[in-house]
Each structure stands twice: as structure tokens, then as C-alpha cells.
Amino acid sequence: MVVCESCGGNCDHGELVQGVCPECLEEERKRKENAALLEKLEGSSFWQMELEV
């Protein structure tokens, strides 16, 4: 068993990708997608008009 660098969980050697378990990789991917979506939303004219009201 090997310890995940991100969450500290125990994983098999074959599961880790650059020292990080698949669950942590998925969480990081979702976090990046949500951050990109929020940035896109905040930059839209609709969002700006709604904030001015």
C-alpha cells in the first residue's frame, strides 16, 4: 500500500497517478471545471446586469 499525497489515503501502486489517488484527481478536475464556469459566468453581460439591479 502507498499513501496518497493529497488525502493521505492508502492506495495500491497501480491506482496512483503521480502520487495522487483517482478520487482526488476527480475532485480536482471538478473544482477546476466549477472555477472556470464561475469565471465565465461572472464575465457574462447577463450576470453583470443582474448585479446592477
PDB file of N, CA and C in Angstrom:
ATOM      1  N   MET A   1       0.836  -1.187   0.000  1.00  0.00           N
ATOM      2  CA  MET A   1       0.000   0.000   0.000  1.00  0.00           C
ATOM      3  C   MET A   1       0.883   1.253   0.000  1.00  0.00           C
ATOM      4  N   VAL A   2       0.381   2.242  -0.696  1.00  0.00           N
ATOM      5  CA  VAL A   2       1.074   3.517  -0.805  1.00  0.00           C
ATOM      6  C   VAL A   2       0.114   4.608  -0.341  1.00  0.00           C
ATOM      7  N   VAL A   3       0.631   5.662   0.243  1.00  0.00           N
ATOM      8  CA  VAL A   3      -0.195   6.753   0.760  1.00  0.00           C
ATOM      9  C   VAL A   3      -0.354   7.828  -0.313  1.00  0.00           C
ATOM     10  N   CYS A   4      -1.596   8.278  -0.514  1.00  0.00           N
ATOM     11  CA  CYS A   4      -1.898   9.358  -1.455  1.00  0.00           C
ATOM     12  C   CYS A   4      -1.325  10.664  -0.904  1.00  0.00           C
ATOM     13  N   GLU A   5      -0.663  11.441  -1.759  1.00  0.00           N
ATOM     14  CA  GLU A   5      -0.063  12.705  -1.328  1.00  0.00           C
ATOM     15  C   GLU A   5      -1.116  13.758  -1.013  1.00  0.00           C
ATOM     16  N   SER A   6      -2.290  13.634  -1.602  1.00  0.00           N
ATOM     17  CA  SER A   6      -3.322  14.653  -1.435  1.00  0.00           C
ATOM     18  C   SER A   6      -4.188  14.409  -0.198  1.00  0.00           C
ATOM     19  N   CYS A   7      -4.765  13.211  -0.089  1.00  0.00           N
ATOM     20  CA  CYS A   7      -5.706  12.947   1.007  1.00  0.00           C
ATOM     21  C   CYS A   7      -5.121  12.088   2.123  1.00  0.00           C
ATOM     22  N   GLY A   8      -4.001  11.441   1.864  1.00  0.00           N
ATOM     23  CA  GLY A   8      -3.389  10.596   2.878  1.00  0.00           C
ATOM     24  C   GLY A   8      -3.971   9.203   2.959  1.00  0.00           C
ATOM     25  N   GLY A   9      -4.859   8.853   2.011  1.00  0.00           N
ATOM     26  CA  GLY A   9      -5.463   7.527   1.996  1.00  0.00           C
ATOM     27  C   GLY A   9      -4.505   6.469   1.477  1.00  0.00           C
ATOM     28  N   ASN A  10      -4.752   5.220   1.832  1.00  0.00           N
ATOM     29  CA  ASN A  10      -3.935   4.108   1.364  1.00  0.00           C
ATOM     30  C   ASN A  10      -4.452   3.610   0.028  1.00  0.00           C
ATOM     31  N   CYS A  11      -3.562   3.461  -0.950  1.00  0.00           N
ATOM     32  CA  CYS A  11      -3.927   3.009  -2.291  1.00  0.00           C
ATOM     33  C   CYS A  11      -2.929   1.972  -2.774  1.00  0.00           C
ATOM     34  N   ASP A  12      -3.332   1.200  -3.767  1.00  0.00           N
ATOM     35  CA  ASP A  12      -2.420   0.272  -4.414  1.00  0.00           C
ATOM     36  C   ASP A  12      -1.498   1.050  -5.340  1.00  0.00           C
ATOM     37  N   HIS A  13      -0.352   0.448  -5.645  1.00  0.00           N
ATOM     38  CA  HIS A  13       0.617   1.109  -6.525  1.00  0.00           C
ATOM     39  C   HIS A  13       0.009   1.447  -7.880  1.00  0.00           C
ATOM     40  N   GLY A  14      -0.811   0.569  -8.420  1.00  0.00           N
ATOM     41  CA  GLY A  14      -1.382   0.764  -9.752  1.00  0.00           C
ATOM     42  C   GLY A  14      -2.444   1.846  -9.823  1.00  0.00           C
ATOM     43  N   GLU A  15      -3.020   2.230  -8.697  1.00  0.00           N
ATOM     44  CA  GLU A  15      -4.088   3.234  -8.692  1.00  0.00           C
ATOM     45  C   GLU A  15      -3.560   4.658  -8.746  1.00  0.00           C
ATOM     46  N   LEU A  16      -2.424   4.916  -8.148  1.00  0.00           N
ATOM     47  CA  LEU A  16      -1.918   6.277  -8.027  1.00  0.00           C
ATOM     48  C   LEU A  16      -1.423   6.824  -9.363  1.00  0.00           C
ATOM     49  N   VAL A  17      -1.716   8.088  -9.603  1.00  0.00           N
ATOM     50  CA  VAL A  17      -1.212   8.801 -10.774  1.00  0.00           C
ATOM     51  C   VAL A  17      -0.377   9.951 -10.236  1.00  0.00           C
ATOM     52  N   GLN A  18       0.922   9.874 -10.410  1.00  0.00           N
ATOM     53  CA  GLN A  18       1.866  10.866  -9.885  1.00  0.00           C
ATOM     54  C   GLN A  18       1.659  11.078  -8.389  1.00  0.00           C
ATOM     55  N   GLY A  19       1.408  10.005  -7.664  1.00  0.00           N
ATOM     56  CA  GLY A  19       1.277  10.057  -6.216  1.00  0.00           C
ATOM     57  C   GLY A  19      -0.088  10.464  -5.691  1.00  0.00           C
ATOM     58  N   VAL A  20      -1.079  10.611  -6.587  1.00  0.00           N
ATOM     59  CA  VAL A  20      -2.417  11.050  -6.178  1.00  0.00           C
ATOM     60  C   VAL A  20      -3.437   9.995  -6.594  1.00  0.00           C
ATOM     61  N   CYS A  21      -4.401   9.703  -5.703  1.00  0.00           N
ATOM     62  CA  CYS A  21      -5.407   8.676  -5.988  1.00  0.00           C
ATOM     63  C   CYS A  21      -6.457   9.200  -6.982  1.00  0.00           C
ATOM     64  N   PRO A  22      -7.178   8.299  -7.654  1.00  0.00           N
ATOM     65  CA  PRO A  22      -8.177   8.703  -8.651  1.00  0.00           C
ATOM     66  C   PRO A  22      -9.285   9.586  -8.079  1.00  0.00           C
ATOM     67  N   GLU A  23      -9.682   9.353  -6.840  1.00  0.00           N
ATOM     68  CA  GLU A  23     -10.735  10.171  -6.230  1.00  0.00           C
ATOM     69  C   GLU A  23     -10.287  11.625  -6.088  1.00  0.00           C
ATOM     70  N   CYS A  24      -9.057  11.829  -5.667  1.00  0.00           N
ATOM     71  CA  CYS A  24      -8.530  13.193  -5.522  1.00  0.00           C
ATOM     72  C   CYS A  24      -8.371  13.857  -6.885  1.00  0.00           C
ATOM     73  N   LEU A  25      -7.958  13.090  -7.882  1.00  0.00           N
ATOM     74  CA  LEU A  25      -7.837  13.641  -9.233  1.00  0.00           C
ATOM     75  C   LEU A  25      -9.196  14.096  -9.749  1.00  0.00           C
ATOM     76  N   GLU A  26     -10.234  13.303  -9.496  1.00  0.00           N
ATOM     77  CA  GLU A  26     -11.586  13.647  -9.934  1.00  0.00           C
ATOM     78  C   GLU A  26     -12.085  14.899  -9.212  1.00  0.00           C
ATOM     79  N   GLU A  27     -11.839  14.990  -7.918  1.00  0.00           N
ATOM     80  CA  GLU A  27     -12.249  16.176  -7.159  1.00  0.00           C
ATOM     81  C   GLU A  27     -11.551  17.428  -7.685  1.00  0.00           C
ATOM     82  N   GLU A  28     -10.271  17.320  -7.997  1.00  0.00           N
ATOM     83  CA  GLU A  28      -9.518  18.459  -8.522  1.00  0.00           C
ATOM     84  C   GLU A  28     -10.039  18.863  -9.898  1.00  0.00           C
ATOM     85  N   ARG A  29     -10.379  17.868 -10.739  1.00  0.00           N
ATOM     86  CA  ARG A  29     -10.920  18.164 -12.065  1.00  0.00           C
ATOM     87  C   ARG A  29     -12.251  18.905 -11.939  1.00  0.00           C
ATOM     88  N   LYS A  30     -13.119  18.441 -11.042  1.00  0.00           N
ATOM     89  CA  LYS A  30     -14.414  19.097 -10.834  1.00  0.00           C
ATOM     90  C   LYS A  30     -14.237  20.513 -10.293  1.00  0.00           C
ATOM     91  N   ARG A  31     -13.283  20.701  -9.374  1.00  0.00           N
ATOM     92  CA  ARG A  31     -13.034  22.021  -8.811  1.00  0.00           C
ATOM     93  C   ARG A  31     -12.585  22.996  -9.897  1.00  0.00           C
ATOM     94  N   LYS A  32     -11.709  22.526 -10.792  1.00  0.00           N
ATOM     95  CA  LYS A  32     -11.239  23.378 -11.888  1.00  0.00           C
ATOM     96  C   LYS A  32     -12.369  23.706 -12.857  1.00  0.00           C
ATOM     97  N   GLU A  33     -13.223  22.720 -13.161  1.00  0.00           N
ATOM     98  CA  GLU A  33     -14.362  22.965 -14.049  1.00  0.00           C
ATOM     99  C   GLU A  33     -15.316  23.987 -13.439  1.00  0.00           C
ATOM    100  N   ASN A  34     -15.608  23.850 -12.148  1.00  0.00           N
ATOM    101  CA  ASN A  34     -16.505  24.789 -11.474  1.00  0.00           C
ATOM    102  C   ASN A  34     -15.910  26.192 -11.427  1.00  0.00           C
ATOM    103  N   ALA A  35     -14.613  26.296 -11.197  1.00  0.00           N
ATOM    104  CA  ALA A  35     -13.955  27.599 -11.157  1.00  0.00           C
ATOM    105  C   ALA A  35     -14.005  28.254 -12.534  1.00  0.00           C
ATOM    106  N   ALA A  36     -13.797  27.469 -13.598  1.00  0.00           N
ATOM    107  CA  ALA A  36     -13.853  28.005 -14.954  1.00  0.00           C
ATOM    108  C   ALA A  36     -15.270  28.447 -15.296  1.00  0.00           C
ATOM    109  N   LEU A  37     -16.263  27.680 -14.889  1.00  0.00           N
ATOM    110  CA  LEU A  37     -17.657  28.036 -15.142  1.00  0.00           C
ATOM    111  C   LEU A  37     -18.033  29.317 -14.399  1.00  0.00           C
ATOM    112  N   LEU A  38     -17.618  29.438 -13.153  1.00  0.00           N
ATOM    113  CA  LEU A  38     -17.905  30.638 -12.375  1.00  0.00           C
ATOM    114  C   LEU A  38     -17.237  31.863 -12.992  1.00  0.00           C
ATOM    115  N   GLU A  39     -16.006  31.701 -13.444  1.00  0.00           N
ATOM    116  CA  GLU A  39     -15.298  32.810 -14.088  1.00  0.00           C
ATOM    117  C   GLU A  39     -16.010  33.236 -15.366  1.00  0.00           C
ATOM    118  N   LYS A  40     -16.469  32.257 -16.131  1.00  0.00           N
ATOM    119  CA  LYS A  40     -17.192  32.552 -17.367  1.00  0.00           C
ATOM    120  C   LYS A  40     -18.514  33.254 -17.055  1.00  0.00           C
ATOM    121  N   LEU A  41     -19.202  32.785 -16.020  1.00  0.00           N
ATOM    122  CA  LEU A  41     -20.480  33.369 -15.627  1.00  0.00           C
ATOM    123  C   LEU A  41     -20.308  34.803 -15.134  1.00  0.00           C
ATOM    124  N   GLU A  42     -19.293  35.039 -14.318  1.00  0.00           N
ATOM    125  CA  GLU A  42     -19.055  36.380 -13.788  1.00  0.00           C
ATOM    126  C   GLU A  42     -18.670  37.361 -14.888  1.00  0.00           C
ATOM    127  N   GLY A  43     -18.085  36.867 -15.974  1.00  0.00           N
ATOM    128  CA  GLY A  43     -17.690  37.728 -17.077  1.00  0.00           C
ATOM    129  C   GLY A  43     -18.808  38.000 -18.062  1.00  0.00           C
ATOM    130  N   SER A  44     -19.941  37.320 -17.930  1.00  0.00           N
ATOM    131  CA  SER A  44     -21.029  37.478 -18.893  1.00  0.00           C
ATOM    132  C   SER A  44     -21.803  38.763 -18.625  1.00  0.00           C
ATOM    133  N   SER A  45     -22.380  39.318 -19.667  1.00  0.00           N
ATOM    134  CA  SER A  45     -23.131  40.562 -19.531  1.00  0.00           C
ATOM    135  C   SER A  45     -24.410  40.345 -18.727  1.00  0.00           C
ATOM    136  N   PHE A  46     -25.030  39.182 -18.836  1.00  0.00           N
ATOM    137  CA  PHE A  46     -26.243  38.898 -18.071  1.00  0.00           C
ATOM    138  C   PHE A  46     -25.961  38.972 -16.577  1.00  0.00           C
ATOM    139  N   TRP A  47     -24.878  38.366 -16.147  1.00  0.00           N
ATOM    140  CA  TRP A  47     -24.508  38.363 -14.733  1.00  0.00           C
ATOM    141  C   TRP A  47     -24.277  39.794 -14.253  1.00  0.00           C
ATOM    142  N   GLN A  48     -23.615  40.607 -15.076  1.00  0.00           N
ATOM    143  CA  GLN A  48     -23.324  41.988 -14.689  1.00  0.00           C
ATOM    144  C   GLN A  48     -24.605  42.807 -14.593  1.00  0.00           C
ATOM    145  N   MET A  49     -25.537  42.612 -15.524  1.00  0.00           N
ATOM    146  CA  MET A  49     -26.799  43.341 -15.468  1.00  0.00           C
ATOM    147  C   MET A  49     -27.581  42.947 -14.220  1.00  0.00           C
ATOM    148  N   GLU A  50     -27.555  41.678 -13.874  1.00  0.00           N
ATOM    149  CA  GLU A  50     -28.276  41.205 -12.703  1.00  0.00           C
ATOM    150  C   GLU A  50     -27.696  41.815 -11.427  1.00  0.00           C
ATOM    151  N   LEU A  51     -26.394  41.998 -11.373  1.00  0.00           N
ATOM    152  CA  LEU A  51     -25.769  42.565 -10.189  1.00  0.00           C
ATOM    153  C   LEU A  51     -26.098  44.044 -10.020  1.00  0.00           C
ATOM    154  N   GLU A  52     -26.332  44.760 -11.119  1.00  0.00           N
ATOM    155  CA  GLU A  52     -26.607  46.190 -11.060  1.00  0.00           C
ATOM    156  C   GLU A  52     -28.008  46.488 -10.547  1.00  0.00           C
ATOM    157  N   VAL A  53     -28.923  45.554 -10.681  1.00  0.00           N
ATOM    158  CA  VAL A  53     -30.320  45.776 -10.295  1.00  0.00           C
ATOM    159  C   VAL A  53     -30.488  45.894  -8.819  1.00  0.00           C
TER     160      VAL A  53
END
